[in-house]
Amino acid sequence: MHDSEPDTFVYRTWPEKFGVMLKEIGIDSVSKEIGMDDVENDDYYSRYFAQTPRMVTNKGCLDVQNSNIDVVQIIQKG
């Protein structure tokens, strides 16, 4: 390793990574455990259209504070 690289790496989940990005622009958020929010229990896309993906992976949720947005769900399609 080079001297400019740290010896340890901090593992972060996707909600934690997005929380750090939101913090940089002044938005407070709290990451939640995967599968703990009601938003995660419904279908992500409509199954009536051919263009919508069938395989969707839930990456977690963020609770956004002091905003009109309550929850942000992070999903991966494909």
Protein backbone atom coordinates (compact mmCIF):
# COMPACT_ATOMS: atom_id res chain seq x y z
CA MET A 1 0.00 0.00 0.00
CA HIS A 2 1.03 3.55 -0.56
CA ASP A 3 1.47 5.94 2.33
CA SER A 4 -1.57 7.97 1.28
CA GLU A 5 -3.93 4.95 1.56
CA PRO A 6 -5.40 3.99 4.92
CA ASP A 7 -4.64 0.57 6.38
CA THR A 8 -8.25 -0.12 7.35
CA PHE A 9 -11.40 0.14 5.27
CA VAL A 10 -14.80 1.00 6.70
CA TYR A 11 -17.57 -1.22 5.32
CA ARG A 12 -20.77 0.72 4.64
CA THR A 13 -24.13 -0.49 3.39
CA TRP A 14 -25.83 1.31 0.50
CA PRO A 15 -28.13 3.32 2.80
CA GLU A 16 -25.10 4.42 4.82
CA LYS A 17 -23.27 5.49 1.64
CA PHE A 18 -26.27 7.51 0.46
CA GLY A 19 -26.65 8.99 3.95
CA VAL A 20 -23.08 10.32 3.78
CA MET A 21 -23.75 11.82 0.32
CA LEU A 22 -26.94 13.48 1.57
CA LYS A 23 -25.11 14.81 4.64
CA GLU A 24 -22.61 16.55 2.33
CA ILE A 25 -25.44 18.59 0.78
CA GLY A 26 -27.07 19.36 4.13
CA ILE A 27 -29.83 16.74 4.29
CA ASP A 28 -30.16 14.68 7.49
CA SER A 29 -31.13 11.03 7.12
CA VAL A 30 -31.06 7.78 9.09
CA SER A 31 -30.41 4.40 7.46
CA LYS A 32 -32.75 1.51 8.27
CA GLU A 33 -32.25 -2.23 8.30
CA ILE A 34 -33.20 -4.05 5.11
CA GLY A 35 -36.79 -5.32 5.20
CA MET A 36 -37.88 -3.28 8.22
CA ASP A 37 -40.04 -0.68 6.41
CA ASP A 38 -43.55 -1.10 4.97
CA VAL A 39 -42.39 0.38 1.63
CA GLU A 40 -40.19 -2.67 1.03
CA ASN A 41 -43.07 -5.15 1.08
CA ASP A 42 -44.83 -4.02 -2.14
CA ASP A 43 -43.92 -4.58 -5.80
CA TYR A 44 -41.42 -2.09 -7.14
CA TYR A 45 -42.69 -2.01 -10.71
CA SER A 46 -45.93 -2.82 -12.50
CA ARG A 47 -46.03 -6.33 -13.96
CA TYR A 48 -48.37 -5.31 -16.81
CA PHE A 49 -45.73 -3.76 -19.07
CA ALA A 50 -43.01 -5.70 -20.89
CA GLN A 51 -40.31 -3.06 -20.34
CA THR A 52 -40.37 -3.33 -16.56
CA PRO A 53 -37.68 -5.56 -15.03
CA ARG A 54 -38.65 -8.73 -13.19
CA MET A 55 -35.49 -8.97 -11.10
CA VAL A 56 -35.26 -6.22 -8.49
CA THR A 57 -32.96 -6.22 -5.46
CA ASN A 58 -33.80 -4.22 -2.36
CA LYS A 59 -30.73 -2.41 -1.02
CA GLY A 60 -32.41 -0.71 1.95
CA CYS A 61 -34.16 2.49 3.03
CA LEU A 62 -33.35 5.91 4.42
CA ASP A 63 -35.56 8.01 6.68
CA VAL A 64 -35.19 11.63 5.53
CA GLN A 65 -35.63 14.17 8.32
CA ASN A 66 -36.97 17.75 8.06
CA SER A 67 -38.34 17.20 4.56
CA ASN A 68 -41.57 16.45 2.73
CA ILE A 69 -40.02 13.11 1.75
CA ASP A 70 -40.48 10.45 4.42
CA VAL A 71 -38.58 7.43 3.08
CA VAL A 72 -36.17 6.82 0.22
CA GLN A 73 -35.86 3.22 -0.92
CA ILE A 74 -32.71 2.09 -2.72
CA ILE A 75 -33.29 -0.66 -5.30
CA GLN A 76 -31.22 -2.31 -7.99
CA LYS A 77 -32.88 -3.52 -11.15
CA GLY A 78 -31.70 -6.03 -13.67
